[in-house]
Protein backbone atom coordinates (compact mmCIF):
# COMPACT_ATOMS: atom_id res chain seq x y z
CA MET A 1 85.52 106.26 71.57
CA PHE A 2 83.84 105.52 74.87
CA ASP A 3 85.57 104.41 78.08
CA TRP A 4 84.91 100.76 78.96
CA ASN A 5 84.85 101.67 82.64
CA ASP A 6 81.74 103.81 82.05
CA LEU A 7 79.72 100.65 81.37
CA LYS A 8 79.92 99.80 85.07
CA TYR A 9 78.17 103.07 85.94
CA PHE A 10 75.67 102.61 83.13
CA LEU A 11 74.62 99.15 84.38
CA ALA A 12 74.35 100.38 87.95
CA VAL A 13 71.95 103.17 86.95
CA ALA A 14 69.99 100.85 84.65
CA ARG A 15 69.53 98.37 87.50
CA THR A 16 68.72 100.86 90.27
CA GLY A 17 66.86 103.51 88.32
CA SER A 18 68.76 106.53 89.65
CA THR A 19 72.21 108.00 89.93
CA LEU A 20 71.78 108.29 93.71
CA ALA A 21 71.07 104.57 94.17
CA ALA A 22 73.83 103.68 91.73
CA ALA A 23 76.29 105.88 93.66
CA ARG A 24 75.42 104.07 96.87
CA SER A 25 75.94 100.64 95.30
CA LEU A 26 79.26 101.66 93.77
CA LYS A 27 80.38 103.61 96.85
CA VAL A 28 81.10 106.80 94.89
CA ASN A 29 79.39 110.17 94.87
CA GLN A 30 76.32 110.90 92.76
CA THR A 31 78.07 113.57 90.70
CA THR A 32 80.64 111.01 89.51
CA VAL A 33 77.91 108.62 88.34
CA ALA A 34 76.07 111.37 86.43
CA ARG A 35 79.32 112.55 84.85
CA ARG A 36 80.27 109.04 83.72
CA ILE A 37 76.81 108.45 82.19
CA ASP A 38 77.07 111.72 80.25
CA ALA A 39 80.54 110.74 79.02
CA LEU A 40 79.30 107.32 77.87
CA GLU A 41 76.43 108.84 75.91
CA ARG A 42 78.81 111.29 74.23
CA GLY A 43 81.26 108.52 73.42
CA LEU A 44 78.57 106.32 71.87
CA GLY A 45 76.60 109.16 70.31
CA LEU A 46 73.43 107.78 71.88
CA THR A 47 70.86 108.84 74.44
CA LEU A 48 70.65 105.94 76.87
CA PHE A 49 68.41 107.44 79.54
CA VAL A 50 65.49 109.81 79.79
CA ARG A 51 66.15 112.05 82.78
CA LEU A 52 63.04 112.32 84.94
CA PRO A 53 62.46 114.18 88.23
CA ASN A 54 62.23 110.85 90.08
CA GLY A 55 65.03 109.01 88.33
CA TYR A 56 66.49 107.67 85.06
CA ARG A 57 64.49 105.61 82.55
CA LEU A 58 66.14 103.61 79.78
CA THR A 59 65.48 104.62 76.18
CA GLU A 60 64.99 101.96 73.50
CA ARG A 61 68.69 102.18 72.63
CA GLY A 62 69.51 102.10 76.32
CA GLU A 63 67.62 98.82 76.80
CA ALA A 64 69.51 97.28 73.89
CA THR A 65 72.77 98.57 75.34
CA VAL A 66 72.08 96.85 78.67
CA ALA A 67 72.22 93.42 77.01
CA LEU A 68 75.50 94.27 75.28
CA ALA A 69 77.01 95.80 78.41
CA GLU A 70 76.12 92.70 80.41
CA GLN A 71 78.05 90.61 77.90
CA VAL A 72 81.08 92.81 78.53
CA GLU A 73 80.52 92.49 82.30
CA GLN A 74 80.33 88.72 82.03
CA GLY A 75 83.47 88.62 79.89
CA ALA A 76 85.38 90.68 82.45
CA SER A 77 84.18 88.41 85.24
CA THR A 78 85.22 85.31 83.29
CA LEU A 79 88.64 86.83 82.63
CA ALA A 80 89.09 87.61 86.34
CA ASP A 81 88.06 84.08 87.35
CA THR A 82 90.38 82.57 84.75
CA ALA A 83 93.28 84.72 85.90
CA ARG A 84 92.71 83.62 89.50
CA GLY A 85 92.71 80.01 88.31
CA TRP A 86 95.93 80.55 86.40
CA ASN A 87 97.52 82.04 89.49
CA ARG A 88 96.46 79.01 91.54
CA THR A 89 97.74 76.58 88.91
CA ILE A 90 101.50 76.43 88.84
CA ALA A 91 102.66 75.54 85.35
CA GLY A 92 105.86 75.77 83.37
CA THR A 93 109.32 74.25 83.22
CA VAL A 94 112.05 74.88 85.80
CA ARG A 95 115.54 74.00 84.59
CA VAL A 96 117.67 72.98 87.56
CA THR A 97 121.34 72.08 87.70
CA THR A 98 123.14 70.51 90.63
CA THR A 99 125.65 67.84 91.55
CA GLU A 100 124.91 64.15 91.16
CA ILE A 101 124.52 63.48 94.87
CA LEU A 102 122.16 66.42 95.42
CA ALA A 103 120.19 65.43 92.33
CA ILE A 104 119.79 61.85 93.54
CA ASP A 105 119.22 62.41 97.24
CA VAL A 106 117.42 65.76 97.39
CA VAL A 107 116.10 67.14 94.12
CA ALA A 108 114.66 64.03 92.47
CA PRO A 109 112.54 63.01 95.51
CA LEU A 110 111.41 66.63 95.88
CA VAL A 111 110.39 66.80 92.21
CA ALA A 112 108.21 63.73 92.68
CA GLU A 113 106.38 65.44 95.55
CA LEU A 114 105.95 68.72 93.66
CA ARG A 115 104.64 66.98 90.55
CA SER A 116 102.02 65.14 92.59
CA GLN A 117 100.75 68.50 93.87
CA HIS A 118 101.25 70.49 90.66
CA PRO A 119 100.81 68.23 87.61
CA SER A 120 101.41 71.12 85.19
CA LEU A 121 104.85 71.78 86.65
CA SER A 122 107.80 70.32 84.78
CA ILE A 123 111.37 70.03 86.10
CA GLU A 124 114.37 69.64 83.82
CA LEU A 125 117.12 68.25 86.06
CA ILE A 126 120.73 68.50 84.91
CA ALA A 127 123.15 66.62 87.17
CA ASP A 128 126.48 68.10 86.19
CA ASP A 129 129.53 69.52 87.93
CA ARG A 130 129.85 72.15 85.20
CA ARG A 131 128.74 75.62 86.27
CA LEU A 132 125.99 76.35 83.76
CA ASP A 133 125.31 80.04 83.17
CA LEU A 134 122.34 81.48 85.05
CA SER A 135 122.74 84.93 83.52
CA CYS A 136 122.50 83.61 79.96
CA GLY A 137 119.50 81.44 80.77
CA GLU A 138 121.17 78.04 80.43
CA VAL A 139 119.32 77.09 83.62
CA ASP A 140 116.82 78.76 85.96
CA VAL A 141 118.05 77.50 89.32
CA ALA A 142 121.37 76.10 90.48
CA LEU A 143 122.25 74.20 93.65
CA ARG A 144 126.00 74.51 93.94
CA VAL A 145 128.56 73.37 96.46
CA GLY A 146 131.61 75.52 97.14
CA SER A 147 132.45 79.19 97.10
CA CYS A 148 129.75 81.83 96.73
CA PRO A 149 129.55 83.10 93.14
CA GLU A 150 129.88 86.84 92.59
CA GLU A 151 128.15 87.29 89.22
CA PRO A 152 125.97 90.43 89.06
CA GLY A 153 122.23 89.85 89.00
CA ILE A 154 122.45 86.47 90.75
CA VAL A 155 120.42 86.00 93.93
CA ARG A 156 122.18 83.77 96.48
CA ARG A 157 120.93 81.84 99.48
CA ARG A 158 123.06 79.57 101.64
CA LEU A 159 121.15 76.37 102.35
CA ALA A 160 123.58 74.31 104.43
CA THR A 161 127.17 73.26 104.88
CA SER A 162 128.24 70.01 103.28
CA VAL A 163 130.67 68.15 105.53
CA TRP A 164 132.92 65.39 104.20
CA ALA A 165 134.61 62.99 106.59
CA LEU A 166 136.71 59.85 106.33
CA HIS A 167 134.58 56.69 106.30
CA CYS A 168 134.98 52.97 105.88
CA ALA A 169 132.65 50.01 105.69
CA ARG A 170 131.93 48.14 108.90
CA SER A 171 133.21 45.02 107.16
CA TYR A 172 136.50 46.80 106.43
CA ALA A 173 136.88 47.86 110.06
CA GLU A 174 136.24 44.30 111.24
CA ARG A 175 139.10 43.08 109.05
CA HIS A 176 141.60 45.92 109.37
CA GLY A 177 140.53 48.10 112.28
CA LEU A 178 139.99 51.86 112.14
CA PRO A 179 142.61 54.57 111.70
CA GLY A 180 142.69 56.77 114.79
CA THR A 181 145.20 59.28 113.51
CA ILE A 182 146.67 60.44 110.23
CA ALA A 183 149.79 58.40 111.02
CA ASP A 184 147.67 55.24 111.00
CA LEU A 185 146.54 55.77 107.39
CA GLY A 186 149.75 54.35 105.93
CA ARG A 187 148.67 50.84 106.83
CA HIS A 188 145.25 51.14 105.22
CA GLU A 189 144.13 51.01 101.61
CA ILE A 190 142.56 54.25 100.46
CA VAL A 191 140.37 55.40 97.59
CA GLY A 192 141.92 57.52 94.85
CA GLY A 193 140.34 59.84 92.31
CA THR A 194 140.42 59.80 88.55
CA GLY A 195 138.58 61.66 85.78
CA SER A 196 136.25 64.29 87.24
CA LEU A 197 137.30 63.33 90.79
CA LYS A 198 141.03 63.59 90.21
CA GLU A 199 141.11 67.04 91.83
CA LEU A 200 138.33 66.51 94.37
CA GLY A 201 139.51 68.31 97.51
CA PRO A 202 138.85 65.55 100.12
CA LEU A 203 140.53 62.91 97.95
CA VAL A 204 143.53 65.14 97.27
CA ALA A 205 143.83 65.86 101.01
CA LEU A 206 143.67 62.13 101.82
CA ARG A 207 146.43 61.34 99.35
CA LYS A 208 148.64 64.11 100.74
CA ALA A 209 148.03 62.93 104.29
CA ALA A 210 148.88 59.31 103.41
CA PRO A 211 151.29 59.41 100.45
CA ASP A 212 152.51 55.87 101.09
CA ALA A 213 149.09 54.26 101.55
CA PRO A 214 148.17 51.84 98.77
CA ILE A 215 145.25 52.90 96.56
CA GLY A 216 142.71 50.11 96.50
CA ILE A 217 140.46 51.67 93.83
CA ARG A 218 140.12 54.87 91.85
CA CYS A 219 136.71 56.46 91.24
CA ASN A 220 135.53 59.04 88.72
CA SER A 221 132.21 60.07 90.31
CA VAL A 222 130.78 60.59 93.77
CA PRO A 223 128.26 57.72 93.44
CA ASN A 224 131.17 55.43 92.50
CA LEU A 225 133.15 56.71 95.48
CA ILE A 226 130.27 55.97 97.84
CA ALA A 227 129.82 52.50 96.35
CA ALA A 228 133.54 51.75 96.64
CA VAL A 229 133.69 52.65 100.33
CA ARG A 230 130.48 50.75 101.06
CA SER A 231 131.92 47.67 99.40
CA GLY A 232 134.65 47.48 102.05
CA MET A 233 137.61 47.57 99.68
CA ALA A 234 139.19 50.81 100.95
CA ILE A 235 138.86 53.88 103.20
CA GLY A 236 137.72 57.12 101.64
CA PRO A 237 136.13 60.52 102.27
CA LEU A 238 132.36 60.64 101.91
CA PRO A 239 129.77 63.38 102.26
CA CYS A 240 128.05 62.87 105.60
CA TRP A 241 124.70 62.92 103.83
CA ALA A 242 125.59 59.70 101.99
CA ALA A 243 126.51 57.93 105.23
CA PHE A 244 123.43 59.07 107.13
CA GLU A 245 121.40 56.16 108.60
CA ASP A 246 123.75 53.63 106.98
CA ASP A 247 124.69 51.02 109.60
CA GLY A 248 127.24 49.58 107.19
CA LEU A 249 129.41 52.72 107.29
CA LEU A 250 131.62 54.01 110.08
CA ARG A 251 133.00 57.52 110.43
CA CYS A 252 136.71 57.48 111.15
CA PRO A 253 137.97 59.75 113.96
CA VAL A 254 140.42 61.73 111.86
CA PRO A 255 139.03 65.29 112.11
CA GLU A 256 142.02 66.74 110.26
CA LEU A 257 140.61 65.24 107.07
CA GLU A 258 137.12 66.68 107.46
CA ALA A 259 136.18 69.23 104.80
CA ARG A 260 133.36 71.76 104.69
CA SER A 261 131.73 73.49 101.72
CA ASP A 262 128.63 75.69 101.60
CA ILE A 263 125.61 74.66 99.56
CA TRP A 264 124.07 77.58 97.64
CA LEU A 265 120.70 78.14 96.02
CA LEU A 266 121.18 80.47 93.04
CA TYR A 267 118.88 82.08 90.49
CA HIS A 268 118.80 85.20 88.35
CA GLU A 269 116.97 88.17 89.83
CA SER A 270 114.75 88.40 86.72
CA LEU A 271 113.08 85.13 87.86
CA ARG A 272 112.37 86.35 91.39
CA GLU A 273 108.60 86.65 90.77
CA SER A 274 108.21 83.71 88.37
CA PRO A 275 105.53 81.53 90.06
CA HIS A 276 106.89 78.13 89.05
CA VAL A 277 110.51 79.06 89.79
CA ARG A 278 109.48 80.58 93.13
CA LEU A 279 107.57 77.39 94.03
CA PHE A 280 110.65 75.27 93.38
CA ARG A 281 112.94 77.64 95.30
CA GLU A 282 110.67 77.68 98.32
CA ALA A 283 110.30 73.90 98.27
CA VAL A 284 114.07 73.36 98.12
CA THR A 285 114.64 75.86 100.94
CA ALA A 286 112.02 74.15 103.11
CA ARG A 287 113.54 70.73 102.42
CA PHE A 288 116.99 71.87 103.51
CA GLU A 289 115.53 73.21 106.76
CA VAL A 290 114.60 69.60 107.50
CA VAL A 291 117.74 67.81 106.25
CA ARG A 292 120.48 70.37 106.96
CA HIS A 293 121.84 68.40 109.93
CA ARG A 294 122.43 65.39 107.72
CA PHE A 295 124.68 67.35 105.40
CA GLU A 296 126.49 68.84 108.35
CA GLY A 297 127.10 65.45 109.98
CA ARG A 298 125.17 66.26 113.13
CA SER A 299 122.98 63.80 115.04
CA ALA A 300 123.24 61.16 112.39
CA PRO A 301 121.78 57.92 113.76
CA GLY A 302 123.10 54.91 111.91
CA VAL A 303 126.54 56.46 111.37
CA GLN A 304 128.86 55.47 114.19
CA ALA A 305 131.68 57.89 114.99
CA VAL A 306 134.45 56.24 116.93
């Protein structure tokens, strides 16, 4: 069997008429070209060239072989061009899991932008507080809030710190004033948690700090919690991101009830070089570079801290 690579040397000699000229065009030495031509003829069992003092002349079989070799050359070129196109075209499905608030406020808008640039990219977004298994392939990427996971094989990147602080609606403050200390909370209605929010840290801390405060409403999800506080019916802890640029919300000056949790980007190391997963990871990381201060409650115009 002949070596496919020898066809490159064969075509170079056929086109230039000598091993010397072919060697120059291929940037190899003349001996290598002559050796590869000899090997090709042995592999095919054909004489492709007549060796003359002034160069190489194609035999009848050699001329026929040129046409066939050029087909192989064209096929290789087409394959290379196609591969480059595939590498430029990001395609595939990225399965992402995160919390509801991150899904709504960060991931969904980002997906819309990515899809406009990469129509063959598909995102499967799972908004769930459950910790789906990255190692078993339940999801490809996770955006999680809380402690850093320690599972082997998981790549971790801290994106930001999510700060929660006590907030109320401006309309609530106009009717009842603002608590200035923890001791003031007893005369205010507060939000309580139920269902999946029953053990939410900021809500539990609020209840412990104000055990005698009446509970105006109980919520079972973060979007419900945000809506309840915005409605003006009670005071409650909110992620600073949700209150950003919202003139209807006021941040209460009770720093003892502020809570901080890290936001992590996680994926399995086996997906490190996956083009579509890498594109999503890089886009999420870049987005958090822009919005990190909002999560951290810094320089948030529209949210009045008093």
